Amino acid sequence: MTSTEQLTGERADLLQTLRNHRGFLLHTVNGLTDEQAAARPTASELCLGGLVKHVTTVEQRWMLFAVGGAEAMERVEVDWVGQFRMAPGETLTGLVERFQEVADHTDELLTTLDLDAAHPLPQAPWFEPGASWTVRRVLLHLIAETSQHAGHADILRESIDGARTMG
């Protein structure tokens, strides 16, 4: 199989669900200026550009895990505070382009990865010691993460200019 268009069954359903939630996030930031994307219009420290950046990093790292386990995932360093903000010189266009690159790579990986392949999780206080996740579980996590942050983005966007993703 060489194309995501040829996927069927569970694999197609998982990928389509992930794509739908990515689409909600991208729709929410569509048409914003860099200044709007960097704004923090609520009591939260979150900004729309930072959410795009965070979701990109999360997807990239979890797909590294899906392919090569915790060690591969941990090769990508994370700025735990800065990942939710737009840094000087970052543009919304650049963040969205990077988001699309990571999404495209994930989509291609999903054409061949064994959904039942599993790796031990990295050591972290929020993971059960010794637990493993399958590629399937990673995809479910990515869907949940992307969906949650698309909802955050919708609130931020409405606070900026009244626009909403749905409704």
Protein backbone atom coordinates (compact mmCIF):
# COMPACT_ATOMS: atom_id res chain seq x y z
CA MET A 1 0.00 0.00 0.00
CA THR A 2 1.53 3.34 -0.96
CA SER A 3 -1.33 5.78 -0.63
CA THR A 4 -3.48 6.80 2.30
CA GLU A 5 -6.39 6.88 -0.15
CA GLN A 6 -6.24 3.05 -0.34
CA LEU A 7 -6.71 2.53 3.40
CA THR A 8 -9.79 0.71 4.62
CA GLY A 9 -11.34 -0.48 7.86
CA GLU A 10 -9.99 0.52 11.26
CA ARG A 11 -6.84 2.11 9.85
CA ALA A 12 -8.89 4.34 7.53
CA ASP A 13 -11.27 5.27 10.36
CA LEU A 14 -8.44 6.24 12.71
CA LEU A 15 -6.67 8.30 10.07
CA GLN A 16 -9.87 10.05 8.95
CA THR A 17 -10.74 10.92 12.54
CA LEU A 18 -7.27 12.36 13.13
CA ARG A 19 -7.52 14.33 9.87
CA ASN A 20 -10.92 15.71 10.87
CA HIS A 21 -9.60 17.06 14.17
CA ARG A 22 -6.50 18.48 12.52
CA GLY A 23 -8.87 20.20 10.11
CA PHE A 24 -10.84 21.77 12.96
CA LEU A 25 -7.62 23.19 14.41
CA LEU A 26 -6.47 24.54 11.05
CA HIS A 27 -9.89 26.02 10.31
CA THR A 28 -9.77 27.86 13.63
CA VAL A 29 -6.48 29.63 12.80
CA ASN A 30 -7.36 30.34 9.16
CA GLY A 31 -7.18 34.02 8.23
CA LEU A 32 -5.42 35.23 11.36
CA THR A 33 -2.51 37.64 11.42
CA ASP A 34 0.68 36.67 13.21
CA GLU A 35 -0.23 39.15 15.95
CA GLN A 36 -3.64 37.53 16.45
CA ALA A 37 -2.09 34.06 16.44
CA ALA A 38 0.37 35.15 19.15
CA ALA A 39 -2.27 36.90 21.29
CA ARG A 40 -3.34 35.49 24.64
CA PRO A 41 -6.93 36.79 24.82
CA THR A 42 -8.01 34.77 27.87
CA ALA A 43 -6.70 34.19 31.37
CA SER A 44 -4.78 31.24 29.92
CA GLU A 45 -1.20 31.46 28.71
CA LEU A 46 -2.29 29.73 25.48
CA CYS A 47 -2.18 31.35 22.07
CA LEU A 48 -3.39 29.95 18.77
CA GLY A 49 0.05 29.75 17.16
CA GLY A 50 1.36 28.04 20.29
CA LEU A 51 -1.40 25.44 20.11
CA VAL A 52 -0.48 24.65 16.51
CA LYS A 53 3.17 24.37 17.54
CA HIS A 54 2.34 22.14 20.51
CA VAL A 55 0.10 19.77 18.53
CA THR A 56 2.84 19.52 15.89
CA THR A 57 5.46 18.58 18.49
CA VAL A 58 3.14 16.09 20.18
CA GLU A 59 2.33 14.34 16.90
CA GLN A 60 5.96 14.27 15.79
CA ARG A 61 7.18 12.82 19.10
CA TRP A 62 4.44 10.20 19.39
CA MET A 63 5.01 9.01 15.86
CA LEU A 64 8.71 8.67 16.65
CA PHE A 65 7.57 6.54 19.60
CA ALA A 66 5.29 4.48 17.33
CA VAL A 67 8.23 3.67 15.09
CA GLY A 68 11.13 3.42 17.53
CA GLY A 69 9.89 3.52 21.12
CA ALA A 70 10.59 5.89 23.99
CA GLU A 71 14.25 6.37 23.09
CA ALA A 72 13.34 7.65 19.62
CA MET A 73 10.64 9.90 21.05
CA GLU A 74 12.96 11.47 23.57
CA ARG A 75 15.47 12.48 20.87
CA VAL A 76 13.23 15.48 20.11
CA GLU A 77 13.70 17.98 22.90
CA VAL A 78 10.67 19.89 24.14
CA ASP A 79 10.57 23.44 25.42
CA TRP A 80 7.77 22.72 27.91
CA VAL A 81 6.91 26.41 28.33
CA GLY A 82 7.81 27.85 24.92
CA GLN A 83 5.93 25.19 22.95
CA PHE A 84 2.68 26.99 23.77
CA ARG A 85 3.89 30.40 22.60
CA MET A 86 5.00 31.90 19.33
CA ALA A 87 8.67 32.80 19.57
CA PRO A 88 10.05 35.98 18.01
CA GLY A 89 10.37 35.42 14.27
CA GLU A 90 7.85 32.58 14.14
CA THR A 91 4.90 33.08 11.83
CA LEU A 92 1.55 31.39 11.75
CA THR A 93 2.23 30.43 8.13
CA GLY A 94 5.48 28.73 9.14
CA LEU A 95 3.85 26.92 12.05
CA VAL A 96 1.01 25.67 9.86
CA GLU A 97 3.47 24.51 7.18
CA ARG A 98 5.42 22.53 9.79
CA PHE A 99 2.13 21.11 11.15
CA GLN A 100 1.25 19.92 7.62
CA GLU A 101 4.70 18.36 7.12
CA VAL A 102 4.37 16.36 10.33
CA ALA A 103 0.77 15.39 9.48
CA ASP A 104 1.78 14.22 6.00
CA HIS A 105 4.60 12.13 7.49
CA THR A 106 2.21 10.58 10.01
CA ASP A 107 -0.31 9.79 7.28
CA GLU A 108 2.37 7.99 5.25
CA LEU A 109 3.61 6.04 8.27
CA LEU A 110 0.08 4.87 8.94
CA THR A 111 -0.04 3.10 5.60
CA THR A 112 2.49 0.55 6.82
CA LEU A 113 2.77 0.54 10.62
CA ASP A 114 1.43 -2.49 12.46
CA LEU A 115 -1.34 -1.12 14.71
CA ASP A 116 -0.63 -3.89 17.23
CA ALA A 117 3.10 -3.16 17.55
CA ALA A 118 3.85 -1.93 21.06
CA HIS A 119 6.65 -0.17 22.92
CA PRO A 120 7.21 0.47 26.63
CA LEU A 121 6.24 4.03 27.56
CA PRO A 122 8.89 6.50 28.67
CA GLN A 123 9.35 6.87 32.40
CA ALA A 124 7.14 9.72 33.59
CA PRO A 125 4.94 10.28 36.65
CA TRP A 126 1.80 10.27 34.49
CA PHE A 127 2.45 6.83 32.96
CA GLU A 128 1.96 3.54 34.78
CA PRO A 129 5.41 2.04 35.41
CA GLY A 130 6.18 -0.69 32.90
CA ALA A 131 3.16 0.06 30.67
CA SER A 132 3.33 -0.22 26.89
CA TRP A 133 1.28 1.43 24.16
CA THR A 134 0.45 0.03 20.76
CA VAL A 135 0.54 2.14 17.62
CA ARG A 136 -3.27 2.03 17.80
CA ARG A 137 -3.18 3.56 21.31
CA VAL A 138 -0.77 6.23 20.09
CA LEU A 139 -3.23 7.17 17.34
CA LEU A 140 -6.10 7.32 19.81
CA HIS A 141 -3.96 9.58 22.00
CA LEU A 142 -3.15 11.85 19.04
CA ILE A 143 -6.84 12.09 18.18
CA ALA A 144 -7.70 13.03 21.77
CA GLU A 145 -4.83 15.52 22.04
CA THR A 146 -5.64 17.20 18.73
CA SER A 147 -9.35 17.32 19.53
CA GLN A 148 -8.77 18.81 22.97
CA HIS A 149 -6.52 21.54 21.62
CA ALA A 150 -8.85 22.28 18.71
CA GLY A 151 -11.46 23.02 21.37
CA HIS A 152 -9.05 25.30 23.22
CA ALA A 153 -8.31 27.02 19.91
CA ASP A 154 -12.00 27.59 19.25
CA ILE A 155 -12.36 29.43 22.57
CA LEU A 156 -9.28 31.55 21.87
CA ARG A 157 -10.44 32.41 18.36
CA GLU A 158 -13.87 33.44 19.58
CA SER A 159 -12.19 35.65 22.19
CA ILE A 160 -10.10 37.33 19.48
CA ASP A 161 -12.70 38.13 16.83
CA GLY A 162 -15.92 36.27 17.57
CA ALA A 163 -15.30 33.59 14.91
CA ARG A 164 -16.10 29.98 15.81
CA THR A 165 -15.14 26.71 14.17
CA MET A 166 -18.64 25.32 14.46
CA GLY A 167 -22.00 26.97 15.06
